[in-house]
Amino acid sequence: MPGKFELKKAKDGQFHFNLLATNGQVILSSEMYKAKDSALNGIESVKKNAQREGAFETKTSSNDKHYFLLKASNGQVVGQSQMYASAASCKSGIESVQKNAPDAQTDDQTG
């Protein structure tokens, strides 16, 4: 089973999405979008930028957890990972996004 994007609507009416790996684990989360079309554009941006050289930026949180940001070519963040205990597992998360995002289908759960 390929990875998939889950498009959801928050209680406040905004839209957001998660990219799930083949095992169902969330590997990337978006920001909140006011419009559904904007969230769908965000998904397309993730698909496109996941393969782009230099699109991922790794960071370390104040409590020494590792995470990454996926940025569009204009520098805008289009997704952020979960927190990882090690730099190696963070790198694996990036590889999972690179593998799963381009062909992932969108599961629209906005009702």
N, C-alpha and C. Protein backbone atom coordinates (compact mmCIF):
# COMPACT_ATOMS: atom_id res chain seq x y z
N MET A 1 0.85 -1.19 0.00
CA MET A 1 0.00 0.00 0.00
C MET A 1 0.89 1.25 0.00
N PRO A 2 0.65 2.15 -0.92
CA PRO A 2 1.47 3.38 -0.95
C PRO A 2 1.10 4.32 0.19
N GLY A 3 1.95 5.29 0.44
CA GLY A 3 1.63 6.31 1.43
C GLY A 3 0.44 7.12 0.95
N LYS A 4 -0.14 7.92 1.85
CA LYS A 4 -1.28 8.75 1.45
C LYS A 4 -1.32 10.04 2.25
N PHE A 5 -1.97 11.02 1.66
CA PHE A 5 -2.24 12.27 2.35
C PHE A 5 -3.65 12.18 2.93
N GLU A 6 -3.80 12.54 4.18
CA GLU A 6 -5.12 12.66 4.79
C GLU A 6 -5.43 14.13 4.93
N LEU A 7 -6.47 14.57 4.24
CA LEU A 7 -6.91 15.96 4.31
C LEU A 7 -8.04 16.04 5.32
N LYS A 8 -7.89 16.92 6.32
CA LYS A 8 -8.86 17.00 7.40
C LYS A 8 -9.30 18.44 7.63
N LYS A 9 -10.44 18.56 8.29
CA LYS A 9 -10.96 19.88 8.67
C LYS A 9 -10.94 19.97 10.19
N ALA A 10 -10.33 21.03 10.70
CA ALA A 10 -10.24 21.24 12.15
C ALA A 10 -11.56 21.79 12.68
N LYS A 11 -11.69 21.76 14.00
CA LYS A 11 -12.91 22.26 14.64
C LYS A 11 -13.20 23.72 14.30
N ASP A 12 -12.13 24.50 14.07
CA ASP A 12 -12.32 25.92 13.77
C ASP A 12 -12.60 26.18 12.29
N GLY A 13 -12.74 25.10 11.50
CA GLY A 13 -13.09 25.24 10.09
C GLY A 13 -11.90 25.32 9.15
N GLN A 14 -10.68 25.34 9.70
CA GLN A 14 -9.50 25.38 8.84
C GLN A 14 -9.13 23.97 8.39
N PHE A 15 -8.31 23.90 7.35
CA PHE A 15 -7.93 22.63 6.76
C PHE A 15 -6.45 22.35 7.01
N HIS A 16 -6.12 21.07 7.11
CA HIS A 16 -4.73 20.65 7.26
C HIS A 16 -4.60 19.23 6.74
N PHE A 17 -3.36 18.80 6.52
CA PHE A 17 -3.14 17.44 6.05
C PHE A 17 -1.94 16.81 6.72
N ASN A 18 -1.96 15.48 6.70
CA ASN A 18 -0.83 14.68 7.16
C ASN A 18 -0.43 13.75 6.03
N LEU A 19 0.86 13.52 5.88
CA LEU A 19 1.35 12.49 4.97
C LEU A 19 1.63 11.25 5.82
N LEU A 20 1.02 10.14 5.44
CA LEU A 20 1.19 8.88 6.16
C LEU A 20 2.07 7.94 5.34
N ALA A 21 2.98 7.26 6.01
CA ALA A 21 3.80 6.23 5.36
C ALA A 21 2.94 5.00 5.12
N THR A 22 3.51 4.02 4.46
CA THR A 22 2.76 2.80 4.14
C THR A 22 2.26 2.08 5.38
N ASN A 23 2.93 2.27 6.52
CA ASN A 23 2.52 1.62 7.77
C ASN A 23 1.49 2.44 8.55
N GLY A 24 1.04 3.57 7.98
CA GLY A 24 0.04 4.40 8.63
C GLY A 24 0.59 5.45 9.57
N GLN A 25 1.91 5.48 9.72
CA GLN A 25 2.57 6.45 10.61
C GLN A 25 2.60 7.83 9.95
N VAL A 26 2.29 8.88 10.72
CA VAL A 26 2.37 10.25 10.21
C VAL A 26 3.84 10.62 10.07
N ILE A 27 4.23 11.04 8.85
CA ILE A 27 5.63 11.41 8.63
C ILE A 27 5.80 12.89 8.30
N LEU A 28 4.69 13.59 8.03
CA LEU A 28 4.75 15.01 7.73
C LEU A 28 3.39 15.63 8.01
N SER A 29 3.37 16.79 8.64
CA SER A 29 2.13 17.51 8.93
C SER A 29 2.21 18.91 8.35
N SER A 30 1.06 19.40 7.91
CA SER A 30 1.02 20.75 7.33
C SER A 30 0.63 21.78 8.37
N GLU A 31 0.71 23.03 7.94
CA GLU A 31 0.16 24.13 8.73
C GLU A 31 -1.36 24.12 8.54
N MET A 32 -2.04 25.05 9.17
CA MET A 32 -3.48 25.21 8.97
C MET A 32 -3.74 26.16 7.79
N TYR A 33 -4.73 25.81 7.00
CA TYR A 33 -5.11 26.63 5.84
C TYR A 33 -6.56 27.06 6.00
N LYS A 34 -6.85 28.31 5.62
CA LYS A 34 -8.22 28.81 5.72
C LYS A 34 -9.13 28.18 4.67
N ALA A 35 -8.58 27.87 3.50
CA ALA A 35 -9.38 27.32 2.40
C ALA A 35 -8.91 25.92 2.01
N LYS A 36 -9.87 25.09 1.63
CA LYS A 36 -9.55 23.72 1.21
C LYS A 36 -8.62 23.73 0.00
N ASP A 37 -8.87 24.62 -0.96
CA ASP A 37 -8.02 24.70 -2.15
C ASP A 37 -6.58 24.99 -1.78
N SER A 38 -6.38 25.82 -0.76
CA SER A 38 -5.02 26.13 -0.31
C SER A 38 -4.34 24.89 0.25
N ALA A 39 -5.09 24.09 1.00
CA ALA A 39 -4.54 22.85 1.55
C ALA A 39 -4.20 21.87 0.42
N LEU A 40 -5.06 21.79 -0.59
CA LEU A 40 -4.78 20.92 -1.73
C LEU A 40 -3.53 21.39 -2.48
N ASN A 41 -3.36 22.70 -2.60
CA ASN A 41 -2.14 23.24 -3.21
C ASN A 41 -0.93 22.88 -2.37
N GLY A 42 -1.08 22.88 -1.05
CA GLY A 42 -0.01 22.47 -0.14
C GLY A 42 0.41 21.03 -0.38
N ILE A 43 -0.56 20.17 -0.60
CA ILE A 43 -0.27 18.76 -0.89
C ILE A 43 0.54 18.65 -2.18
N GLU A 44 0.12 19.38 -3.20
CA GLU A 44 0.87 19.36 -4.48
C GLU A 44 2.29 19.88 -4.28
N SER A 45 2.44 20.88 -3.44
CA SER A 45 3.76 21.43 -3.15
C SER A 45 4.65 20.40 -2.46
N VAL A 46 4.08 19.64 -1.54
CA VAL A 46 4.84 18.58 -0.87
C VAL A 46 5.28 17.54 -1.89
N LYS A 47 4.37 17.12 -2.76
CA LYS A 47 4.70 16.12 -3.79
C LYS A 47 5.87 16.60 -4.65
N LYS A 48 5.81 17.86 -5.06
CA LYS A 48 6.82 18.42 -5.94
C LYS A 48 8.15 18.63 -5.22
N ASN A 49 8.10 19.20 -4.03
CA ASN A 49 9.32 19.58 -3.32
C ASN A 49 10.01 18.43 -2.61
N ALA A 50 9.31 17.32 -2.38
CA ALA A 50 9.91 16.17 -1.70
C ALA A 50 11.11 15.63 -2.47
N GLN A 51 11.14 15.86 -3.77
CA GLN A 51 12.22 15.36 -4.62
C GLN A 51 13.29 16.42 -4.89
N ARG A 52 13.03 17.65 -4.46
CA ARG A 52 13.94 18.75 -4.79
C ARG A 52 15.16 18.76 -3.88
N GLU A 53 16.31 18.91 -4.47
CA GLU A 53 17.57 18.99 -3.72
C GLU A 53 17.53 20.21 -2.80
N GLY A 54 17.88 20.02 -1.54
CA GLY A 54 17.94 21.13 -0.60
C GLY A 54 16.60 21.56 -0.02
N ALA A 55 15.55 20.79 -0.25
CA ALA A 55 14.21 21.16 0.23
C ALA A 55 14.01 20.85 1.71
N PHE A 56 14.80 19.94 2.25
CA PHE A 56 14.64 19.55 3.65
C PHE A 56 15.66 20.26 4.53
N GLU A 57 15.18 20.73 5.66
CA GLU A 57 16.05 21.36 6.65
C GLU A 57 15.86 20.63 7.97
N THR A 58 16.95 20.08 8.51
CA THR A 58 16.86 19.38 9.79
C THR A 58 17.15 20.35 10.92
N LYS A 59 16.47 20.15 12.03
CA LYS A 59 16.60 21.02 13.19
C LYS A 59 16.64 20.17 14.45
N THR A 60 17.08 20.79 15.54
CA THR A 60 17.07 20.14 16.85
C THR A 60 16.28 21.04 17.79
N SER A 61 15.33 20.46 18.50
CA SER A 61 14.50 21.23 19.43
C SER A 61 15.26 21.52 20.71
N SER A 62 14.66 22.34 21.56
CA SER A 62 15.31 22.71 22.82
C SER A 62 15.52 21.52 23.75
N ASN A 63 14.74 20.44 23.55
CA ASN A 63 14.93 19.25 24.39
C ASN A 63 15.68 18.14 23.64
N ASP A 64 16.49 18.56 22.66
CA ASP A 64 17.38 17.66 21.92
C ASP A 64 16.66 16.61 21.08
N LYS A 65 15.44 16.88 20.67
CA LYS A 65 14.75 16.00 19.72
C LYS A 65 15.04 16.54 18.32
N HIS A 66 15.02 15.66 17.34
CA HIS A 66 15.33 16.04 15.97
C HIS A 66 14.04 16.07 15.15
N TYR A 67 13.97 17.02 14.21
CA TYR A 67 12.83 17.10 13.31
C TYR A 67 13.28 17.77 12.03
N PHE A 68 12.41 17.73 11.02
CA PHE A 68 12.75 18.38 9.76
C PHE A 68 11.59 19.21 9.23
N LEU A 69 11.96 20.19 8.43
CA LEU A 69 11.00 21.03 7.72
C LEU A 69 11.17 20.76 6.23
N LEU A 70 10.06 20.75 5.51
CA LEU A 70 10.10 20.67 4.06
C LEU A 70 9.71 22.05 3.55
N LYS A 71 10.58 22.63 2.74
CA LYS A 71 10.35 23.99 2.25
C LYS A 71 10.16 24.01 0.74
N ALA A 72 9.28 24.90 0.30
CA ALA A 72 9.10 25.13 -1.13
C ALA A 72 10.29 25.93 -1.64
N SER A 73 10.40 26.05 -2.95
CA SER A 73 11.54 26.76 -3.53
C SER A 73 11.59 28.23 -3.13
N ASN A 74 10.44 28.78 -2.70
CA ASN A 74 10.42 30.18 -2.23
C ASN A 74 10.77 30.31 -0.75
N GLY A 75 11.11 29.19 -0.11
CA GLY A 75 11.50 29.21 1.29
C GLY A 75 10.36 29.00 2.27
N GLN A 76 9.13 28.94 1.77
CA GLN A 76 7.97 28.75 2.65
C GLN A 76 7.92 27.30 3.13
N VAL A 77 7.66 27.11 4.42
CA VAL A 77 7.54 25.76 4.99
C VAL A 77 6.21 25.16 4.54
N VAL A 78 6.26 23.97 3.94
CA VAL A 78 5.04 23.30 3.50
C VAL A 78 4.72 22.08 4.36
N GLY A 79 5.64 21.70 5.23
CA GLY A 79 5.36 20.59 6.13
C GLY A 79 6.46 20.43 7.17
N GLN A 80 6.08 19.81 8.28
CA GLN A 80 7.02 19.57 9.37
C GLN A 80 6.84 18.14 9.86
N SER A 81 7.95 17.54 10.26
CA SER A 81 7.89 16.17 10.77
C SER A 81 7.48 16.13 12.23
N GLN A 82 7.35 14.92 12.72
CA GLN A 82 7.20 14.67 14.14
C GLN A 82 8.58 14.82 14.77
N MET A 83 8.68 14.68 16.06
CA MET A 83 9.97 14.72 16.75
C MET A 83 10.58 13.31 16.77
N TYR A 84 11.88 13.26 16.54
CA TYR A 84 12.62 12.00 16.53
C TYR A 84 13.67 12.02 17.63
N ALA A 85 13.95 10.85 18.19
CA ALA A 85 14.94 10.75 19.27
C ALA A 85 16.36 10.90 18.75
N SER A 86 16.60 10.52 17.50
CA SER A 86 17.96 10.57 16.97
C SER A 86 18.00 11.23 15.60
N ALA A 87 19.18 11.70 15.23
CA ALA A 87 19.37 12.28 13.90
C ALA A 87 19.18 11.22 12.82
N ALA A 88 19.56 9.99 13.11
CA ALA A 88 19.42 8.90 12.14
C ALA A 88 17.95 8.61 11.84
N SER A 89 17.11 8.60 12.87
CA SER A 89 15.69 8.34 12.64
C SER A 89 15.04 9.53 11.92
N CYS A 90 15.54 10.73 12.17
CA CYS A 90 15.06 11.91 11.45
C CYS A 90 15.39 11.78 9.96
N LYS A 91 16.60 11.35 9.66
CA LYS A 91 17.02 11.13 8.28
C LYS A 91 16.15 10.08 7.61
N SER A 92 15.79 9.03 8.34
CA SER A 92 14.89 8.00 7.80
C SER A 92 13.52 8.59 7.50
N GLY A 93 13.07 9.52 8.34
CA GLY A 93 11.79 10.19 8.10
C GLY A 93 11.81 10.98 6.80
N ILE A 94 12.91 11.68 6.55
CA ILE A 94 13.06 12.43 5.30
C ILE A 94 13.00 11.48 4.11
N GLU A 95 13.72 10.36 4.21
CA GLU A 95 13.73 9.37 3.13
C GLU A 95 12.33 8.81 2.90
N SER A 96 11.58 8.65 3.95
CA SER A 96 10.21 8.15 3.84
C SER A 96 9.31 9.15 3.11
N VAL A 97 9.48 10.44 3.41
CA VAL A 97 8.72 11.47 2.70
C VAL A 97 9.11 11.46 1.22
N GLN A 98 10.41 11.39 0.94
CA GLN A 98 10.88 11.38 -0.44
C GLN A 98 10.30 10.20 -1.22
N LYS A 99 10.16 9.07 -0.55
CA LYS A 99 9.66 7.85 -1.19
C LYS A 99 8.13 7.87 -1.34
N ASN A 100 7.43 8.34 -0.30
CA ASN A 100 5.98 8.23 -0.28
C ASN A 100 5.22 9.39 -0.91
N ALA A 101 5.74 10.60 -0.79
CA ALA A 101 4.97 11.78 -1.21
C ALA A 101 4.63 11.84 -2.70
N PRO A 102 5.57 11.58 -3.61
CA PRO A 102 5.28 11.83 -5.03
C PRO A 102 4.06 11.08 -5.57
N ASP A 103 3.83 9.85 -5.14
CA ASP A 103 2.74 9.04 -5.68
C ASP A 103 1.57 8.86 -4.71
N ALA A 104 1.62 9.55 -3.59
CA ALA A 104 0.56 9.37 -2.57
C ALA A 104 -0.77 9.92 -3.06
N GLN A 105 -1.82 9.17 -2.80
CA GLN A 105 -3.17 9.63 -3.11
C GLN A 105 -3.67 10.49 -1.96
N THR A 106 -4.70 11.28 -2.21
CA THR A 106 -5.28 12.13 -1.16
C THR A 106 -6.60 11.52 -0.69
N ASP A 107 -6.67 11.28 0.60
CA ASP A 107 -7.88 10.78 1.25
C ASP A 107 -8.57 11.99 1.88
N ASP A 108 -9.60 12.48 1.21
CA ASP A 108 -10.30 13.69 1.65
C ASP A 108 -11.31 13.32 2.74
N GLN A 109 -11.01 13.72 3.97
CA GLN A 109 -11.87 13.39 5.11
C GLN A 109 -12.62 14.63 5.61
N THR A 110 -12.74 15.64 4.74
CA THR A 110 -13.37 16.88 5.17
C THR A 110 -14.88 16.82 5.16
N GLY A 111 -15.44 15.73 4.62
CA GLY A 111 -16.87 15.50 4.65
C GLY A 111 -17.60 16.34 3.68
